[in-house]
C-alpha atoms as a PDB file:
ATOM      1  CA  MET A   1     -57.750 -79.422 126.542  1.00  0.00           C
ATOM      2  CA  THR A   2     -59.596 -81.551 123.990  1.00  0.00           C
ATOM      3  CA  GLU A   3     -58.182 -84.709 122.419  1.00  0.00           C
ATOM      4  CA  THR A   4     -57.708 -82.832 119.133  1.00  0.00           C
ATOM      5  CA  GLU A   5     -55.838 -79.992 120.866  1.00  0.00           C
ATOM      6  CA  THR A   6     -53.637 -82.471 122.748  1.00  0.00           C
ATOM      7  CA  SER A   7     -52.776 -84.286 119.505  1.00  0.00           C
ATOM      8  CA  SER A   8     -51.972 -80.972 117.817  1.00  0.00           C
ATOM      9  CA  THR A   9     -49.704 -79.916 120.688  1.00  0.00           C
ATOM     10  CA  MET A  10     -47.839 -83.231 120.611  1.00  0.00           C
ATOM     11  CA  ASN A  11     -47.312 -82.913 116.848  1.00  0.00           C
ATOM     12  CA  GLU A  12     -45.927 -79.408 117.292  1.00  0.00           C
ATOM     13  CA  LEU A  13     -43.481 -80.587 119.970  1.00  0.00           C
ATOM     14  CA  GLU A  14     -42.367 -83.487 117.790  1.00  0.00           C
ATOM     15  CA  ASN A  15     -41.699 -81.045 114.936  1.00  0.00           C
ATOM     16  CA  ASP A  16     -39.690 -78.836 117.290  1.00  0.00           C
ATOM     17  CA  GLU A  17     -37.567 -81.840 118.312  1.00  0.00           C
ATOM     18  CA  SER A  18     -36.933 -82.773 114.664  1.00  0.00           C
ATOM     19  CA  GLU A  19     -35.617 -79.282 113.975  1.00  0.00           C
ATOM     20  CA  LEU A  20     -33.499 -79.232 117.118  1.00  0.00           C
ATOM     21  CA  GLU A  21     -31.835 -82.524 116.262  1.00  0.00           C
ATOM     22  CA  LEU A  22     -30.287 -80.646 113.324  1.00  0.00           C
ATOM     23  CA  SER A  23     -29.370 -77.532 115.307  1.00  0.00           C
ATOM     24  CA  ASN A  24     -28.107 -78.707 118.690  1.00  0.00           C
ATOM     25  CA  GLU A  25     -25.036 -76.473 118.701  1.00  0.00           C
ATOM     26  CA  GLN A  26     -23.615 -75.747 122.136  1.00  0.00           C
ATOM     27  CA  LEU A  27     -25.707 -73.279 124.098  1.00  0.00           C
ATOM     28  CA  LYS A  28     -24.559 -71.792 127.403  1.00  0.00           C
ATOM     29  CA  PRO A  29     -26.593 -70.295 130.250  1.00  0.00           C
ATOM     30  CA  THR A  30     -25.709 -67.102 132.113  1.00  0.00           C
ATOM     31  CA  ALA A  31     -24.245 -67.177 135.631  1.00  0.00           C
ATOM     32  CA  LEU A  32     -26.429 -65.696 138.355  1.00  0.00           C
ATOM     33  CA  LYS A  33     -26.167 -62.412 140.204  1.00  0.00           C
ATOM     34  CA  PRO A  34     -27.210 -61.797 143.824  1.00  0.00           C
ATOM     35  CA  GLY A  35     -30.988 -61.629 144.055  1.00  0.00           C
ATOM     36  CA  SER A  36     -31.631 -63.847 141.002  1.00  0.00           C
ATOM     37  CA  ARG A  37     -34.844 -65.887 141.112  1.00  0.00           C
ATOM     38  CA  ILE A  38     -34.472 -69.685 141.046  1.00  0.00           C
ATOM     39  CA  GLY A  39     -37.292 -72.107 140.248  1.00  0.00           C
ATOM     40  CA  LEU A  40     -37.414 -75.206 142.469  1.00  0.00           C
ATOM     41  CA  ILE A  41     -39.006 -78.300 140.911  1.00  0.00           C
ATOM     42  CA  SER A  42     -39.502 -82.022 141.514  1.00  0.00           C
ATOM     43  CA  PRO A  43     -39.630 -83.585 138.009  1.00  0.00           C
ATOM     44  CA  ALA A  44     -39.648 -87.117 139.416  1.00  0.00           C
ATOM     45  CA  SER A  45     -40.686 -88.036 142.977  1.00  0.00           C
ATOM     46  CA  ARG A  46     -41.637 -85.546 145.685  1.00  0.00           C
ATOM     47  CA  VAL A  47     -39.253 -84.562 148.476  1.00  0.00           C
ATOM     48  CA  SER A  48     -38.842 -86.994 151.360  1.00  0.00           C
ATOM     49  CA  GLU A  49     -40.797 -84.721 153.724  1.00  0.00           C
ATOM     50  CA  PRO A  50     -42.068 -81.098 153.813  1.00  0.00           C
ATOM     51  CA  SER A  51     -39.145 -80.014 155.983  1.00  0.00           C
ATOM     52  CA  ALA A  52     -36.760 -81.075 153.186  1.00  0.00           C
ATOM     53  CA  LEU A  53     -38.405 -78.540 150.882  1.00  0.00           C
ATOM     54  CA  ARG A  54     -38.145 -75.816 153.514  1.00  0.00           C
ATOM     55  CA  ARG A  55     -34.491 -76.658 154.051  1.00  0.00           C
ATOM     56  CA  SER A  56     -33.868 -76.580 150.277  1.00  0.00           C
ATOM     57  CA  SER A  57     -35.529 -73.176 150.030  1.00  0.00           C
ATOM     58  CA  ASN A  58     -33.402 -71.943 152.930  1.00  0.00           C
ATOM     59  CA  ILE A  59     -30.232 -73.038 151.116  1.00  0.00           C
ATOM     60  CA  ILE A  60     -31.166 -70.932 148.092  1.00  0.00           C
ATOM     61  CA  GLU A  61     -31.914 -67.936 150.315  1.00  0.00           C
ATOM     62  CA  GLU A  62     -28.635 -68.385 152.201  1.00  0.00           C
ATOM     63  CA  LEU A  63     -26.807 -68.312 148.854  1.00  0.00           C
ATOM     64  CA  GLY A  64     -28.320 -64.893 148.170  1.00  0.00           C
ATOM     65  CA  TYR A  65     -31.040 -65.868 145.707  1.00  0.00           C
ATOM     66  CA  VAL A  66     -34.833 -65.888 145.703  1.00  0.00           C
ATOM     67  CA  PRO A  67     -36.443 -69.374 145.663  1.00  0.00           C
ATOM     68  CA  VAL A  68     -39.676 -69.809 143.699  1.00  0.00           C
ATOM     69  CA  ILE A  69     -41.285 -73.140 144.564  1.00  0.00           C
ATOM     70  CA  GLY A  70     -43.102 -75.123 141.871  1.00  0.00           C
ATOM     71  CA  LYS A  71     -46.763 -75.849 142.574  1.00  0.00           C
ATOM     72  CA  SER A  72     -46.418 -79.643 142.404  1.00  0.00           C
ATOM     73  CA  THR A  73     -43.269 -79.978 144.521  1.00  0.00           C
ATOM     74  CA  LEU A  74     -45.146 -81.292 147.566  1.00  0.00           C
ATOM     75  CA  SER A  75     -47.839 -83.106 145.598  1.00  0.00           C
ATOM     76  CA  TYR A  76     -47.901 -86.843 145.063  1.00  0.00           C
ATOM     77  CA  GLU A  77     -49.523 -89.237 142.625  1.00  0.00           C
ATOM     78  CA  GLY A  78     -48.272 -92.763 143.089  1.00  0.00           C
ATOM     79  CA  PHE A  79     -44.487 -92.515 142.988  1.00  0.00           C
ATOM     80  CA  THR A  80     -44.288 -89.027 141.450  1.00  0.00           C
ATOM     81  CA  ALA A  81     -44.659 -85.448 142.691  1.00  0.00           C
ATOM     82  CA  GLY A  82     -48.087 -84.985 141.172  1.00  0.00           C
ATOM     83  CA  SER A  83     -49.288 -85.919 137.697  1.00  0.00           C
ATOM     84  CA  ASP A  84     -47.058 -85.757 134.620  1.00  0.00           C
ATOM     85  CA  GLN A  85     -48.978 -82.681 133.489  1.00  0.00           C
ATOM     86  CA  ALA A  86     -48.563 -80.927 136.838  1.00  0.00           C
ATOM     87  CA  ARG A  87     -44.818 -81.548 136.898  1.00  0.00           C
ATOM     88  CA  ILE A  88     -44.249 -80.475 133.293  1.00  0.00           C
ATOM     89  CA  ASP A  89     -46.353 -77.366 133.933  1.00  0.00           C
ATOM     90  CA  ASP A  90     -43.934 -76.361 136.711  1.00  0.00           C
ATOM     91  CA  LEU A  91     -40.952 -76.828 134.409  1.00  0.00           C
ATOM     92  CA  GLN A  92     -42.555 -75.122 131.396  1.00  0.00           C
ATOM     93  CA  THR A  93     -43.706 -72.193 133.537  1.00  0.00           C
ATOM     94  CA  PHE A  94     -40.195 -71.559 134.824  1.00  0.00           C
ATOM     95  CA  LEU A  95     -38.672 -71.974 131.349  1.00  0.00           C
ATOM     96  CA  ALA A  96     -41.049 -69.369 129.910  1.00  0.00           C
ATOM     97  CA  ASP A  97     -40.732 -66.923 132.831  1.00  0.00           C
ATOM     98  CA  ALA A  98     -37.998 -64.398 132.006  1.00  0.00           C
ATOM     99  CA  SER A  99     -37.636 -63.500 135.689  1.00  0.00           C
ATOM    100  CA  ILE A 100     -36.522 -67.065 136.520  1.00  0.00           C
ATOM    101  CA  GLU A 101     -32.801 -67.365 135.762  1.00  0.00           C
ATOM    102  CA  ALA A 102     -32.118 -70.916 136.969  1.00  0.00           C
ATOM    103  CA  ILE A 103     -34.034 -74.139 137.623  1.00  0.00           C
ATOM    104  CA  VAL A 104     -32.852 -76.534 140.329  1.00  0.00           C
ATOM    105  CA  CYS A 105     -34.278 -79.982 141.085  1.00  0.00           C
ATOM    106  CA  VAL A 106     -35.162 -80.485 144.729  1.00  0.00           C
ATOM    107  CA  SER A 107     -35.552 -84.267 144.707  1.00  0.00           C
ATOM    108  CA  GLY A 108     -34.877 -87.361 142.602  1.00  0.00           C
ATOM    109  CA  GLY A 109     -36.726 -90.670 142.799  1.00  0.00           C
ATOM    110  CA  TYR A 110     -38.528 -91.832 139.675  1.00  0.00           C
ATOM    111  CA  GLY A 111     -40.647 -90.416 136.860  1.00  0.00           C
ATOM    112  CA  ALA A 112     -38.615 -87.689 135.125  1.00  0.00           C
ATOM    113  CA  ALA A 113     -38.427 -89.541 131.789  1.00  0.00           C
ATOM    114  CA  ARG A 114     -42.229 -89.490 131.600  1.00  0.00           C
ATOM    115  CA  LEU A 115     -42.037 -85.730 130.968  1.00  0.00           C
ATOM    116  CA  LEU A 116     -39.887 -85.928 127.832  1.00  0.00           C
ATOM    117  CA  PRO A 117     -42.720 -86.207 125.253  1.00  0.00           C
ATOM    118  CA  LEU A 118     -44.395 -83.177 126.878  1.00  0.00           C
ATOM    119  CA  LEU A 119     -41.358 -80.895 127.037  1.00  0.00           C
ATOM    120  CA  ASP A 120     -41.081 -77.897 124.698  1.00  0.00           C
ATOM    121  CA  PHE A 121     -37.412 -78.172 123.732  1.00  0.00           C
ATOM    122  CA  ALA A 122     -37.681 -75.097 121.490  1.00  0.00           C
ATOM    123  CA  GLN A 123     -38.405 -72.936 124.533  1.00  0.00           C
ATOM    124  CA  ILE A 124     -35.109 -74.015 126.093  1.00  0.00           C
ATOM    125  CA  ARG A 125     -33.128 -72.689 123.138  1.00  0.00           C
ATOM    126  CA  LYS A 126     -35.110 -69.450 123.186  1.00  0.00           C
ATOM    127  CA  SER A 127     -34.263 -68.738 126.821  1.00  0.00           C
ATOM    128  CA  PRO A 128     -31.327 -70.837 128.080  1.00  0.00           C
ATOM    129  CA  LYS A 129     -31.072 -71.050 131.866  1.00  0.00           C
ATOM    130  CA  ILE A 130     -28.956 -72.890 134.411  1.00  0.00           C
ATOM    131  CA  ILE A 131     -30.570 -76.297 135.026  1.00  0.00           C
ATOM    132  CA  ILE A 132     -29.275 -78.502 137.839  1.00  0.00           C
ATOM    133  CA  GLY A 133     -30.198 -82.006 138.972  1.00  0.00           C
ATOM    134  CA  SER A 134     -29.158 -85.636 139.288  1.00  0.00           C
ATOM    135  CA  GLY A 135     -30.432 -89.152 139.842  1.00  0.00           C
ATOM    136  CA  ASP A 136     -33.572 -89.923 137.855  1.00  0.00           C
ATOM    137  CA  ASN A 137     -33.652 -86.278 136.726  1.00  0.00           C
ATOM    138  CA  ASP A 138     -30.623 -87.065 134.531  1.00  0.00           C
ATOM    139  CA  ALA A 139     -32.982 -88.663 131.996  1.00  0.00           C
ATOM    140  CA  LEU A 140     -34.526 -85.223 131.553  1.00  0.00           C
ATOM    141  CA  LEU A 141     -31.275 -83.237 131.736  1.00  0.00           C
ATOM    142  CA  SER A 142     -29.402 -85.541 129.356  1.00  0.00           C
ATOM    143  CA  ALA A 143     -32.164 -85.245 126.748  1.00  0.00           C
ATOM    144  CA  ILE A 144     -32.136 -81.462 127.091  1.00  0.00           C
ATOM    145  CA  ASN A 145     -28.397 -81.369 126.463  1.00  0.00           C
ATOM    146  CA  GLN A 146     -28.668 -83.857 123.591  1.00  0.00           C
ATOM    147  CA  LEU A 147     -31.494 -82.107 121.736  1.00  0.00           C
ATOM    148  CA  THR A 148     -30.816 -78.426 122.474  1.00  0.00           C
ATOM    149  CA  GLY A 149     -27.064 -78.258 123.078  1.00  0.00           C
ATOM    150  CA  LEU A 150     -27.638 -76.465 126.384  1.00  0.00           C
ATOM    151  CA  VAL A 151     -24.890 -77.010 128.943  1.00  0.00           C
ATOM    152  CA  ILE A 152     -26.596 -78.486 132.016  1.00  0.00           C
ATOM    153  CA  PHE A 153     -25.193 -79.276 135.463  1.00  0.00           C
ATOM    154  CA  HIS A 154     -25.158 -82.780 136.904  1.00  0.00           C
ATOM    155  CA  GLY A 155     -24.949 -82.607 140.686  1.00  0.00           C
ATOM    156  CA  PRO A 156     -26.810 -83.253 143.936  1.00  0.00           C
ATOM    157  CA  ASN A 157     -30.473 -82.301 144.089  1.00  0.00           C
ATOM    158  CA  LEU A 158     -31.151 -79.680 146.743  1.00  0.00           C
ATOM    159  CA  GLU A 159     -32.434 -82.072 149.401  1.00  0.00           C
ATOM    160  CA  ASP A 160     -29.141 -83.988 149.086  1.00  0.00           C
ATOM    161  CA  VAL A 161     -26.893 -80.987 149.761  1.00  0.00           C
ATOM    162  CA  ALA A 162     -25.746 -82.175 153.169  1.00  0.00           C
ATOM    163  CA  ASP A 163     -22.259 -80.802 153.812  1.00  0.00           C
ATOM    164  CA  LYS A 164     -20.247 -77.596 153.491  1.00  0.00           C
ATOM    165  CA  TYR A 165     -18.179 -78.863 150.550  1.00  0.00           C
ATOM    166  CA  THR A 166     -21.262 -79.565 148.412  1.00  0.00           C
ATOM    167  CA  TYR A 167     -22.864 -76.299 149.504  1.00  0.00           C
ATOM    168  CA  GLU A 168     -19.784 -74.380 148.324  1.00  0.00           C
ATOM    169  CA  ALA A 169     -19.748 -76.342 145.050  1.00  0.00           C
ATOM    170  CA  LEU A 170     -23.384 -75.351 144.436  1.00  0.00           C
ATOM    171  CA  LYS A 171     -22.575 -71.753 145.332  1.00  0.00           C
ATOM    172  CA  ASN A 172     -19.687 -71.661 142.845  1.00  0.00           C
ATOM    173  CA  THR A 173     -21.788 -73.300 140.125  1.00  0.00           C
ATOM    174  CA  LEU A 174     -24.660 -70.823 140.342  1.00  0.00           C
ATOM    175  CA  ALA A 175     -22.367 -67.794 140.548  1.00  0.00           C
ATOM    176  CA  GLY A 176     -20.073 -68.903 137.720  1.00  0.00           C
ATOM    177  CA  SER A 177     -16.965 -69.071 139.927  1.00  0.00           C
ATOM    178  CA  LYS A 178     -13.736 -70.413 138.462  1.00  0.00           C
ATOM    179  CA  GLU A 179     -13.306 -72.620 141.548  1.00  0.00           C
ATOM    180  CA  ASN A 180     -15.057 -75.524 139.818  1.00  0.00           C
ATOM    181  CA  LEU A 181     -12.709 -75.960 136.857  1.00  0.00           C
ATOM    182  CA  THR A 182     -11.262 -79.300 138.054  1.00  0.00           C
ATOM    183  CA  VAL A 183     -12.738 -82.293 139.878  1.00  0.00           C
ATOM    184  CA  ASN A 184     -10.237 -84.609 141.555  1.00  0.00           C
ATOM    185  CA  CYS A 185     -10.332 -88.082 143.041  1.00  0.00           C
ATOM    186  CA  ARG A 186      -7.975 -86.953 145.784  1.00  0.00           C
ATOM    187  CA  ASP A 187      -8.887 -84.290 148.312  1.00  0.00           C
ATOM    188  CA  SER A 188      -6.033 -81.776 148.339  1.00  0.00           C
ATOM    189  CA  ASN A 189      -6.344 -81.501 152.127  1.00  0.00           C
ATOM    190  CA  ASP A 190      -6.118 -85.228 152.750  1.00  0.00           C
ATOM    191  CA  GLN A 191      -4.752 -87.193 149.815  1.00  0.00           C
ATOM    192  CA  VAL A 192      -4.540 -90.501 151.681  1.00  0.00           C
ATOM    193  CA  PHE A 193      -7.689 -90.995 153.705  1.00  0.00           C
ATOM    194  CA  GLU A 194     -10.056 -89.068 151.413  1.00  0.00           C
ATOM    195  CA  SER A 195      -9.041 -90.832 148.194  1.00  0.00           C
ATOM    196  CA  ASN A 196     -10.941 -93.722 146.620  1.00  0.00           C
ATOM    197  CA  MET A 197      -9.068 -93.423 143.334  1.00  0.00           C
ATOM    198  CA  TYR A 198      -8.667 -96.556 141.238  1.00  0.00           C
ATOM    199  CA  SER A 199      -7.524 -96.520 137.623  1.00  0.00           C
ATOM    200  CA  LEU A 200      -6.913 -99.282 135.104  1.00  0.00           C
ATOM    201  CA  SER A 201      -4.253 -97.239 133.294  1.00  0.00           C
ATOM    202  CA  ASP A 202      -2.290 -93.989 133.309  1.00  0.00           C
ATOM    203  CA  LEU A 203      -3.922 -92.817 130.090  1.00  0.00           C
ATOM    204  CA  SER A 204      -5.545 -89.444 129.474  1.00  0.00           C
ATOM    205  CA  CYS A 205      -8.051 -88.185 126.909  1.00  0.00           C
ATOM    206  CA  GLN A 206     -10.015 -85.131 125.831  1.00  0.00           C
ATOM    207  CA  GLY A 207     -13.605 -84.774 124.748  1.00  0.00           C
ATOM    208  CA  THR A 208     -16.990 -83.216 125.444  1.00  0.00           C
ATOM    209  CA  LEU A 209     -18.366 -84.238 128.834  1.00  0.00           C
ATOM    210  CA  CYS A 210     -21.610 -86.245 128.887  1.00  0.00           C
ATOM    211  CA  GLY A 211     -23.324 -88.596 131.297  1.00  0.00           C
ATOM    212  CA  GLY A 212     -24.919 -88.686 134.728  1.00  0.00           C
ATOM    213  CA  ASN A 213     -26.823 -91.371 136.613  1.00  0.00           C
ATOM    214  CA  LEU A 214     -26.277 -94.803 135.017  1.00  0.00           C
ATOM    215  CA  THR A 215     -29.830 -96.063 135.607  1.00  0.00           C
ATOM    216  CA  ALA A 216     -31.418 -92.880 134.251  1.00  0.00           C
ATOM    217  CA  LEU A 217     -29.238 -92.836 131.136  1.00  0.00           C
ATOM    218  CA  SER A 218     -29.940 -96.502 130.451  1.00  0.00           C
ATOM    219  CA  SER A 219     -33.677 -95.782 130.471  1.00  0.00           C
ATOM    220  CA  LEU A 220     -33.181 -93.612 127.364  1.00  0.00           C
ATOM    221  CA  PHE A 221     -31.710 -96.386 125.236  1.00  0.00           C
ATOM    222  CA  GLY A 222     -34.029 -97.416 122.411  1.00  0.00           C
ATOM    223  CA  THR A 223     -35.687 -93.987 122.420  1.00  0.00           C
ATOM    224  CA  LYS A 224     -35.147 -90.842 120.356  1.00  0.00           C
ATOM    225  CA  TYR A 225     -33.650 -89.257 123.481  1.00  0.00           C
ATOM    226  CA  LYS A 226     -30.744 -91.710 123.605  1.00  0.00           C
ATOM    227  CA  PRO A 227     -27.492 -89.813 124.346  1.00  0.00           C
ATOM    228  CA  ASP A 228     -24.604 -89.804 121.902  1.00  0.00           C
ATOM    229  CA  PHE A 229     -21.353 -90.896 123.586  1.00  0.00           C
ATOM    230  CA  SER A 230     -19.153 -90.774 120.467  1.00  0.00           C
ATOM    231  CA  LYS A 231     -15.704 -89.289 121.202  1.00  0.00           C
ATOM    232  CA  LYS A 232     -16.988 -87.995 124.541  1.00  0.00           C
ATOM    233  CA  ILE A 233     -15.899 -88.386 128.144  1.00  0.00           C
ATOM    234  CA  LEU A 234     -18.661 -90.245 129.963  1.00  0.00           C
ATOM    235  CA  ALA A 235     -19.262 -89.434 133.636  1.00  0.00           C
ATOM    236  CA  LEU A 236     -21.212 -92.148 135.468  1.00  0.00           C
ATOM    237  CA  ASP A 237     -22.576 -92.595 138.983  1.00  0.00           C
ATOM    238  CA  ASP A 238     -25.518 -94.195 140.756  1.00  0.00           C
ATOM    239  CA  PHE A 239     -27.089 -94.568 144.177  1.00  0.00           C
ATOM    240  CA  ALA A 240     -28.483 -97.425 146.298  1.00  0.00           C
ATOM    241  CA  GLU A 241     -28.556 -99.980 143.477  1.00  0.00           C
ATOM    242  CA  ARG A 242     -27.537-103.638 143.358  1.00  0.00           C
ATOM    243  CA  ASN A 243     -24.246-104.285 141.594  1.00  0.00           C
ATOM    244  CA  SER A 244     -25.940-106.909 139.428  1.00  0.00           C
ATOM    245  CA  ILE A 245     -28.400-104.274 138.179  1.00  0.00           C
ATOM    246  CA  LEU A 246     -25.573-101.812 137.522  1.00  0.00           C
ATOM    247  CA  ASP A 247     -23.792-104.523 135.529  1.00  0.00           C
ATOM    248  CA  ARG A 248     -26.976-105.029 133.502  1.00  0.00           C
ATOM    249  CA  TRP A 249     -27.151-101.340 132.540  1.00  0.00           C
ATOM    250  CA  PHE A 250     -23.432-101.063 131.790  1.00  0.00           C
ATOM    251  CA  THR A 251     -23.516-104.268 129.746  1.00  0.00           C
ATOM    252  CA  THR A 252     -26.506-102.922 127.809  1.00  0.00           C
ATOM    253  CA  MET A 253     -24.455 -99.871 126.857  1.00  0.00           C
ATOM    254  CA  TYR A 254     -21.551-102.135 125.914  1.00  0.00           C
ATOM    255  CA  LEU A 255     -23.630-104.508 123.778  1.00  0.00           C
ATOM    256  CA  SER A 256     -25.387-101.625 122.019  1.00  0.00           C
ATOM    257  CA  GLY A 257     -22.021-100.431 120.703  1.00  0.00           C
ATOM    258  CA  THR A 258     -22.415 -96.949 122.172  1.00  0.00           C
ATOM    259  CA  LEU A 259     -19.206 -97.339 124.205  1.00  0.00           C
ATOM    260  CA  SER A 260     -17.091 -98.458 121.241  1.00  0.00           C
ATOM    261  CA  SER A 261     -16.160 -94.911 120.181  1.00  0.00           C
ATOM    262  CA  ILE A 262     -16.081 -93.305 123.603  1.00  0.00           C
ATOM    263  CA  ALA A 263     -13.056 -91.209 124.612  1.00  0.00           C
ATOM    264  CA  GLY A 264     -12.970 -92.232 128.272  1.00  0.00           C
ATOM    265  CA  ILE A 265     -15.009 -92.804 131.428  1.00  0.00           C
ATOM    266  CA  ALA A 266     -14.931 -91.021 134.798  1.00  0.00           C
ATOM    267  CA  PHE A 267     -16.754 -92.856 137.577  1.00  0.00           C
ATOM    268  CA  GLY A 268     -18.158 -90.866 140.465  1.00  0.00           C
ATOM    269  CA  GLY A 269     -19.498 -92.098 143.764  1.00  0.00           C
ATOM    270  CA  PHE A 270     -21.725 -95.170 144.014  1.00  0.00           C
ATOM    271  CA  PRO A 271     -22.888 -94.824 147.627  1.00  0.00           C
ATOM    272  CA  SER A 272     -25.030 -97.653 149.013  1.00  0.00           C
ATOM    273  CA  CYS A 273     -24.381 -99.679 145.846  1.00  0.00           C
ATOM    274  CA  HIS A 274     -23.193-103.155 146.718  1.00  0.00           C
ATOM    275  CA  ALA A 275     -23.683-106.864 146.163  1.00  0.00           C
ATOM    276  CA  ARG A 276     -26.836-108.307 147.729  1.00  0.00           C
ATOM    277  CA  GLY A 277     -27.110-111.987 148.411  1.00  0.00           C
ATOM    278  CA  GLY A 278     -24.331-114.536 148.146  1.00  0.00           C
ATOM    279  CA  ASN A 279     -24.237-115.057 144.380  1.00  0.00           C
ATOM    280  CA  ASN A 280     -21.916-112.199 143.490  1.00  0.00           C
ATOM    281  CA  MET A 281     -19.626-110.417 145.927  1.00  0.00           C
ATOM    282  CA  LEU A 282     -17.877-108.226 143.341  1.00  0.00           C
ATOM    283  CA  SER A 283     -17.467-104.512 144.015  1.00  0.00           C
ATOM    284  CA  VAL A 284     -18.601-101.836 141.555  1.00  0.00           C
ATOM    285  CA  GLN A 285     -15.018-101.521 140.341  1.00  0.00           C
ATOM    286  CA  ASP A 286     -14.797-105.289 139.783  1.00  0.00           C
ATOM    287  CA  THR A 287     -18.239-105.374 138.161  1.00  0.00           C
ATOM    288  CA  PHE A 288     -17.258-102.935 135.413  1.00  0.00           C
ATOM    289  CA  GLY A 289     -13.639-104.078 135.179  1.00  0.00           C
ATOM    290  CA  ASP A 290     -13.952-106.752 132.482  1.00  0.00           C
ATOM    291  CA  ARG A 291     -15.838-104.470 130.082  1.00  0.00           C
ATOM    292  CA  LEU A 292     -13.366-101.660 130.661  1.00  0.00           C
ATOM    293  CA  LYS A 293     -10.414-103.922 129.846  1.00  0.00           C
ATOM    294  CA  GLU A 294     -12.095-104.887 126.586  1.00  0.00           C
ATOM    295  CA  LEU A 295     -12.859-101.258 125.724  1.00  0.00           C
ATOM    296  CA  LYS A 296      -9.241-100.223 126.360  1.00  0.00           C
ATOM    297  CA  VAL A 297     -10.166 -96.592 127.039  1.00  0.00           C
ATOM    298  CA  PRO A 298      -9.005 -94.301 129.857  1.00  0.00           C
ATOM    299  CA  ALA A 299     -11.168 -95.033 132.898  1.00  0.00           C
ATOM    300  CA  CYS A 300     -10.853 -93.939 136.495  1.00  0.00           C
ATOM    301  CA  PHE A 301     -12.941 -94.506 139.643  1.00  0.00           C
ATOM    302  CA  GLY A 302     -13.330 -92.287 142.695  1.00  0.00           C
ATOM    303  CA  PHE A 303     -14.319 -88.843 141.420  1.00  0.00           C
ATOM    304  CA  LYS A 304     -16.292 -86.638 143.768  1.00  0.00           C
ATOM    305  CA  PHE A 305     -19.626 -86.317 141.984  1.00  0.00           C
ATOM    306  CA  GLY A 306     -23.012 -87.997 142.196  1.00  0.00           C
ATOM    307  CA  ASN A 307     -25.066 -88.711 145.337  1.00  0.00           C
ATOM    308  CA  GLU A 308     -21.876 -88.580 147.346  1.00  0.00           C
ATOM    309  CA  SER A 309     -20.855 -86.468 150.307  1.00  0.00           C
ATOM    310  CA  LYS A 310     -18.393 -83.730 149.314  1.00  0.00           C
ATOM    311  CA  SER A 311     -19.792 -83.719 145.787  1.00  0.00           C
ATOM    312  CA  ASN A 312     -19.155 -81.462 142.783  1.00  0.00           C
ATOM    313  CA  TYR A 313     -21.381 -80.214 139.960  1.00  0.00           C
ATOM    314  CA  LEU A 314     -20.360 -81.236 136.438  1.00  0.00           C
ATOM    315  CA  PRO A 315     -20.994 -78.969 133.408  1.00  0.00           C
ATOM    316  CA  ILE A 316     -22.349 -81.525 130.924  1.00  0.00           C
ATOM    317  CA  GLY A 317     -21.721 -80.389 127.360  1.00  0.00           C
ATOM    318  CA  THR A 318     -18.368 -78.657 127.882  1.00  0.00           C
ATOM    319  CA  SER A 319     -14.916 -79.771 126.717  1.00  0.00           C
ATOM    320  CA  ALA A 320     -12.861 -81.593 129.334  1.00  0.00           C
ATOM    321  CA  GLU A 321      -9.688 -83.604 129.897  1.00  0.00           C
ATOM    322  CA  LEU A 322      -9.589 -86.857 131.861  1.00  0.00           C
ATOM    323  CA  ASP A 323      -6.203 -87.735 133.366  1.00  0.00           C
ATOM    324  CA  CYS A 324      -6.271 -91.217 134.890  1.00  0.00           C
ATOM    325  CA  LYS A 325      -2.751 -91.003 136.285  1.00  0.00           C
ATOM    326  CA  ARG A 326      -3.506 -87.914 138.340  1.00  0.00           C
ATOM    327  CA  GLY A 327      -7.149 -88.732 138.924  1.00  0.00           C
ATOM    328  CA  SER A 328      -8.366 -85.400 137.574  1.00  0.00           C
ATOM    329  CA  LEU A 329     -11.209 -84.225 135.364  1.00  0.00           C
ATOM    330  CA  ALA A 330     -10.424 -80.710 134.144  1.00  0.00           C
ATOM    331  CA  PHE A 331     -12.934 -78.515 132.313  1.00  0.00           C
ATOM    332  CA  GLN A 332     -11.317 -76.624 129.453  1.00  0.00           C
ATOM    333  CA  GLU A 333     -13.925 -73.938 128.923  1.00  0.00           C
ATOM    334  CA  SER A 334     -16.397 -71.919 130.903  1.00  0.00           C
ATOM    335  CA  PRO A 335     -19.934 -73.371 130.951  1.00  0.00           C
ATOM    336  CA  TYR A 336     -21.388 -69.847 130.917  1.00  0.00           C
ATOM    337  CA  ALA A 337     -22.133 -67.414 128.134  1.00  0.00           C
END
């Protein structure tokens, strides 16, 4: 592609985004049927090892679907699964292929936000599909939801599906089961030992669900892909990050004013996130506590989503109710057309 052609393509995509910013009405994908073809991609970093890709493909087959592996999934260029162009080609190919009914991220890592200027958002509205991912991929998924209105699913990437609970949650999400209508802090089978619930109040609220990985969302601030949190329930999680860094991102959101009109916040798992060094020994709950008290909005910790064992998949872009007394996040509509 020549420099002139590249410039022309970028201008066309920018025009598409301008139009979509004015027409981002809610758009829902269709639940899958047995035998549906699912595109597997790595928009950020490559999988940890080739066997992780084989295992991910086996999971899709075990669920009764046909995995179609993106060409760049096992590639690498620095910290990403191949070049930006190679990774966006995988995504664009699956978006344009009518035989592909869902797209699932295999791995997280870093680099998904680099694809945003190359993504054809108009194609997503033309052929809405189930799109699932988490971690750094949330920069991509959040922008898709923001600009196209498509309901996307925030949940473990395929290589992180490591227990029966998460496997069943993925199964229910792809098939459109009604089993996923509520996410709780407490496990109904063991409400004492399985619960990490902590709430600053007994308040409840309603609103459209938004959010995902805190680090990935923060990377969108100051860009045209910045998410709109106004009157929404924000779901937040992260993985293997220092508490001081998490405080930086959360404080950035606070200082920017984007949390001032938020309806409430549901915090998922923050596995391997902790204080490092002796300067600050505060927990994640303590770290965010002062800001939450100032915001005076319903907020609850301990929900089972994110890079957590026994994790759920959240339909971002649907109406929900957050009940901090019960520790429940209930979805009030189906995420499927």
